[in-house]
Amino acid sequence: MKKLIFIIASILINALLFARPDDPVPPSGSNVIWHAVTVIDIKAGSTESAKVIIGKFESASEAAGTALPVIYWFSSGKYDLVVTRELKNGPDDVEGSWSPEDEKWWNALVVQEGSDEAAGKLLNDYLELVTSSLTSVSCKAK
């Protein structure tokens, strides 16, 4: 269940984050800033419901004091939104284990929603709205 939450934290959000293993990856200690970039396709007619749930995820992030992902809503194309999140530990942040930031976010979501089960239900409700998503890891020079 917590691995699913990690997905949302980056989408806040919503798909498992994996670097493509066949791509060359600069070392984490290099002079770059790493990001997870996720494009998401929401089921037709579900955008407003997704926005409400994403708002709850953002509230939990604010309560936890964790960085909010940057979200852009598309007005054209296959995907409905793109979510970017800085990876403080580089590509290692997407290898399936939770970072301390992810734990803080999840704990705040549990408090906000009233229980671990309610937070999990909210996450599942969001995931049911997602038709597809694609995550890539990227970096840029500092």
C-alpha atoms as a PDB file:
ATOM      1  CA  MET A   1       0.000   0.000   0.000  1.00  0.00           C
ATOM      2  CA  LYS A   2       2.762   2.458   0.881  1.00  0.00           C
ATOM      3  CA  LYS A   3       4.464   1.879  -2.474  1.00  0.00           C
ATOM      4  CA  LEU A   4       1.277   3.210  -4.085  1.00  0.00           C
ATOM      5  CA  ILE A   5       1.456   6.288  -1.899  1.00  0.00           C
ATOM      6  CA  PHE A   6       4.981   6.942  -3.189  1.00  0.00           C
ATOM      7  CA  ILE A   7       3.468   7.125  -6.642  1.00  0.00           C
ATOM      8  CA  ILE A   8       1.135   9.905  -5.576  1.00  0.00           C
ATOM      9  CA  ALA A   9       3.839  11.789  -3.744  1.00  0.00           C
ATOM     10  CA  SER A  10       5.575  12.217  -7.040  1.00  0.00           C
ATOM     11  CA  ILE A  11       2.243  13.194  -8.672  1.00  0.00           C
ATOM     12  CA  LEU A  12       1.637  13.614  -6.454  1.00  0.00           C
ATOM     13  CA  ILE A  13       1.050  11.799  -7.003  1.00  0.00           C
ATOM     14  CA  ASN A  14       0.069   8.674  -9.410  1.00  0.00           C
ATOM     15  CA  ALA A  15       2.402   6.130 -11.296  1.00  0.00           C
ATOM     16  CA  LEU A  16       5.448   4.141 -10.207  1.00  0.00           C
ATOM     17  CA  LEU A  17       8.571   6.104 -10.941  1.00  0.00           C
ATOM     18  CA  PHE A  18      11.311   4.191 -12.697  1.00  0.00           C
ATOM     19  CA  ALA A  19      14.393   5.302 -14.583  1.00  0.00           C
ATOM     20  CA  ARG A  20      14.822   3.329 -17.772  1.00  0.00           C
ATOM     21  CA  PRO A  21      17.701   0.979 -16.889  1.00  0.00           C
ATOM     22  CA  ASP A  22      19.152   1.049 -20.395  1.00  0.00           C
ATOM     23  CA  ASP A  23      19.619   4.841 -20.353  1.00  0.00           C
ATOM     24  CA  PRO A  24      22.929   6.296 -19.165  1.00  0.00           C
ATOM     25  CA  VAL A  25      22.504   8.027 -15.803  1.00  0.00           C
ATOM     26  CA  PRO A  26      24.910  10.717 -14.599  1.00  0.00           C
ATOM     27  CA  PRO A  27      26.116  10.139 -11.036  1.00  0.00           C
ATOM     28  CA  SER A  28      23.812  11.481  -8.284  1.00  0.00           C
ATOM     29  CA  GLY A  29      26.610  13.561  -6.802  1.00  0.00           C
ATOM     30  CA  SER A  30      27.176  15.500 -10.000  1.00  0.00           C
ATOM     31  CA  ASN A  31      26.256  19.141 -10.425  1.00  0.00           C
ATOM     32  CA  VAL A  32      22.664  18.514 -11.558  1.00  0.00           C
ATOM     33  CA  ILE A  33      19.144  18.771 -10.161  1.00  0.00           C
ATOM     34  CA  TRP A  34      17.067  15.621 -10.629  1.00  0.00           C
ATOM     35  CA  HIS A  35      13.317  15.530 -11.265  1.00  0.00           C
ATOM     36  CA  ALA A  36      10.646  12.923 -11.796  1.00  0.00           C
ATOM     37  CA  VAL A  37       8.362  14.073 -14.608  1.00  0.00           C
ATOM     38  CA  THR A  38       5.009  12.293 -14.892  1.00  0.00           C
ATOM     39  CA  VAL A  39       2.404  12.838 -17.586  1.00  0.00           C
ATOM     40  CA  ILE A  40      -1.067  11.647 -16.647  1.00  0.00           C
ATOM     41  CA  ASP A  41      -4.194  10.871 -18.640  1.00  0.00           C
ATOM     42  CA  ILE A  42      -7.358  11.212 -16.526  1.00  0.00           C
ATOM     43  CA  LYS A  43     -10.554   9.349 -17.448  1.00  0.00           C
ATOM     44  CA  ALA A  44     -12.942  11.466 -19.503  1.00  0.00           C
ATOM     45  CA  GLY A  45     -15.255  13.501 -17.308  1.00  0.00           C
ATOM     46  CA  SER A  46     -13.137  12.962 -14.188  1.00  0.00           C
ATOM     47  CA  THR A  47     -10.893  16.016 -14.262  1.00  0.00           C
ATOM     48  CA  GLU A  48     -12.760  17.942 -11.561  1.00  0.00           C
ATOM     49  CA  SER A  49     -12.769  14.912  -9.245  1.00  0.00           C
ATOM     50  CA  ALA A  50      -9.030  14.492  -9.834  1.00  0.00           C
ATOM     51  CA  LYS A  51      -8.426  18.171  -9.039  1.00  0.00           C
ATOM     52  CA  VAL A  52     -10.287  17.830  -5.728  1.00  0.00           C
ATOM     53  CA  ILE A  53      -8.202  14.814  -4.704  1.00  0.00           C
ATOM     54  CA  ILE A  54      -4.954  16.431  -5.855  1.00  0.00           C
ATOM     55  CA  GLY A  55      -5.906  19.438  -3.718  1.00  0.00           C
ATOM     56  CA  LYS A  56      -6.103  17.100  -0.708  1.00  0.00           C
ATOM     57  CA  PHE A  57      -2.693  15.665  -1.560  1.00  0.00           C
ATOM     58  CA  GLU A  58      -1.286  19.201  -1.765  1.00  0.00           C
ATOM     59  CA  SER A  59      -2.840  20.071   1.611  1.00  0.00           C
ATOM     60  CA  ALA A  60      -1.116  17.077   3.167  1.00  0.00           C
ATOM     61  CA  SER A  61       2.167  18.152   1.606  1.00  0.00           C
ATOM     62  CA  GLU A  62       1.783  21.660   3.019  1.00  0.00           C
ATOM     63  CA  ALA A  63       0.946  20.253   6.471  1.00  0.00           C
ATOM     64  CA  ALA A  64       3.986  17.965   6.299  1.00  0.00           C
ATOM     65  CA  GLY A  65       6.263  20.783   5.186  1.00  0.00           C
ATOM     66  CA  THR A  66       7.299  18.836   2.095  1.00  0.00           C
ATOM     67  CA  ALA A  67       7.883  20.400  -1.295  1.00  0.00           C
ATOM     68  CA  LEU A  68       4.841  20.621  -3.527  1.00  0.00           C
ATOM     69  CA  PRO A  69       5.248  19.144  -6.973  1.00  0.00           C
ATOM     70  CA  VAL A  70       4.801  21.483  -9.915  1.00  0.00           C
ATOM     71  CA  ILE A  71       1.613  20.676 -11.827  1.00  0.00           C
ATOM     72  CA  TYR A  72       0.618  21.875 -15.284  1.00  0.00           C
ATOM     73  CA  TRP A  73      -2.803  21.106 -16.772  1.00  0.00           C
ATOM     74  CA  PHE A  74      -2.753  20.647 -20.546  1.00  0.00           C
ATOM     75  CA  SER A  75      -5.383  22.137 -22.827  1.00  0.00           C
ATOM     76  CA  SER A  76      -4.472  19.862 -25.743  1.00  0.00           C
ATOM     77  CA  GLY A  77      -2.796  16.542 -26.458  1.00  0.00           C
ATOM     78  CA  LYS A  78      -3.139  13.012 -25.088  1.00  0.00           C
ATOM     79  CA  TYR A  79      -2.357  13.806 -21.460  1.00  0.00           C
ATOM     80  CA  ASP A  80      -4.294  15.965 -19.026  1.00  0.00           C
ATOM     81  CA  LEU A  81      -1.499  17.050 -16.727  1.00  0.00           C
ATOM     82  CA  VAL A  82       2.201  16.875 -16.071  1.00  0.00           C
ATOM     83  CA  VAL A  83       3.635  16.673 -12.566  1.00  0.00           C
ATOM     84  CA  THR A  84       7.277  17.353 -11.776  1.00  0.00           C
ATOM     85  CA  ARG A  85       8.922  16.657  -8.456  1.00  0.00           C
ATOM     86  CA  GLU A  86      12.501  17.292  -7.416  1.00  0.00           C
ATOM     87  CA  LEU A  87      14.375  14.166  -6.380  1.00  0.00           C
ATOM     88  CA  LYS A  88      16.557  15.261  -3.479  1.00  0.00           C
ATOM     89  CA  ASN A  89      18.556  12.004  -3.560  1.00  0.00           C
ATOM     90  CA  GLY A  90      18.726  11.818  -7.338  1.00  0.00           C
ATOM     91  CA  PRO A  91      17.479   8.770  -9.231  1.00  0.00           C
ATOM     92  CA  ASP A  92      17.711   6.724  -6.032  1.00  0.00           C
ATOM     93  CA  ASP A  93      14.428   8.370  -4.926  1.00  0.00           C
ATOM     94  CA  VAL A  94      12.513   6.378  -7.541  1.00  0.00           C
ATOM     95  CA  GLU A  95      13.883   2.927  -6.779  1.00  0.00           C
ATOM     96  CA  GLY A  96      10.809   1.789  -4.846  1.00  0.00           C
ATOM     97  CA  SER A  97      11.733   2.763  -1.296  1.00  0.00           C
ATOM     98  CA  TRP A  98      10.240   5.668   0.570  1.00  0.00           C
ATOM     99  CA  SER A  99      12.239   8.791   1.226  1.00  0.00           C
ATOM    100  CA  PRO A 100      11.854  10.615   4.549  1.00  0.00           C
ATOM    101  CA  GLU A 101       9.857  13.251   2.629  1.00  0.00           C
ATOM    102  CA  ASP A 102       7.436  10.593   1.363  1.00  0.00           C
ATOM    103  CA  GLU A 103       6.943   9.292   4.906  1.00  0.00           C
ATOM    104  CA  LYS A 104       6.200  12.808   6.198  1.00  0.00           C
ATOM    105  CA  TRP A 105       3.685  13.348   3.414  1.00  0.00           C
ATOM    106  CA  TRP A 106       1.911  10.033   4.024  1.00  0.00           C
ATOM    107  CA  ASN A 107       1.719  10.654   7.786  1.00  0.00           C
ATOM    108  CA  ALA A 108       0.197  14.086   7.164  1.00  0.00           C
ATOM    109  CA  LEU A 109      -2.322  12.569   4.732  1.00  0.00           C
ATOM    110  CA  VAL A 110      -3.311   9.968   7.356  1.00  0.00           C
ATOM    111  CA  VAL A 111      -3.875  12.722   9.942  1.00  0.00           C
ATOM    112  CA  GLN A 112      -5.787  14.833   7.430  1.00  0.00           C
ATOM    113  CA  GLU A 113      -8.046  11.975   6.337  1.00  0.00           C
ATOM    114  CA  GLY A 114      -8.472  10.531   9.837  1.00  0.00           C
ATOM    115  CA  SER A 115      -6.932   7.075   9.384  1.00  0.00           C
ATOM    116  CA  ASP A 116      -4.539   4.978   7.353  1.00  0.00           C
ATOM    117  CA  GLU A 117      -7.532   3.291   5.701  1.00  0.00           C
ATOM    118  CA  ALA A 118      -9.151   6.613   4.733  1.00  0.00           C
ATOM    119  CA  ALA A 119      -5.867   7.886   3.274  1.00  0.00           C
ATOM    120  CA  GLY A 120      -5.491   4.625   1.335  1.00  0.00           C
ATOM    121  CA  LYS A 121      -9.051   4.947   0.036  1.00  0.00           C
ATOM    122  CA  LEU A 122      -8.350   8.487  -1.148  1.00  0.00           C
ATOM    123  CA  LEU A 123      -5.276   7.256  -2.974  1.00  0.00           C
ATOM    124  CA  ASN A 124      -7.228   4.403  -4.561  1.00  0.00           C
ATOM    125  CA  ASP A 125     -10.007   6.803  -5.569  1.00  0.00           C
ATOM    126  CA  TYR A 126      -7.403   8.908  -7.346  1.00  0.00           C
ATOM    127  CA  LEU A 127      -5.777   5.925  -9.046  1.00  0.00           C
ATOM    128  CA  GLU A 128      -9.190   4.845 -10.369  1.00  0.00           C
ATOM    129  CA  LEU A 129      -9.413   8.191 -12.189  1.00  0.00           C
ATOM    130  CA  VAL A 130      -6.090   7.645 -14.000  1.00  0.00           C
ATOM    131  CA  THR A 131      -6.297   6.031 -17.417  1.00  0.00           C
ATOM    132  CA  SER A 132      -2.543   5.994 -17.963  1.00  0.00           C
ATOM    133  CA  SER A 133       0.637   7.703 -16.896  1.00  0.00           C
ATOM    134  CA  LEU A 134       4.273   7.774 -17.895  1.00  0.00           C
ATOM    135  CA  THR A 135       7.150   8.806 -15.663  1.00  0.00           C
ATOM    136  CA  SER A 136      10.653   9.752 -16.692  1.00  0.00           C
ATOM    137  CA  VAL A 137      13.623  10.860 -14.624  1.00  0.00           C
ATOM    138  CA  SER A 138      15.380  13.945 -15.869  1.00  0.00           C
ATOM    139  CA  CYS A 139      18.145  16.265 -14.754  1.00  0.00           C
ATOM    140  CA  LYS A 140      19.370  19.751 -15.508  1.00  0.00           C
ATOM    141  CA  ALA A 141      22.547  21.588 -14.670  1.00  0.00           C
ATOM    142  CA  LYS A 142      22.517  23.621 -11.460  1.00  0.00           C
END
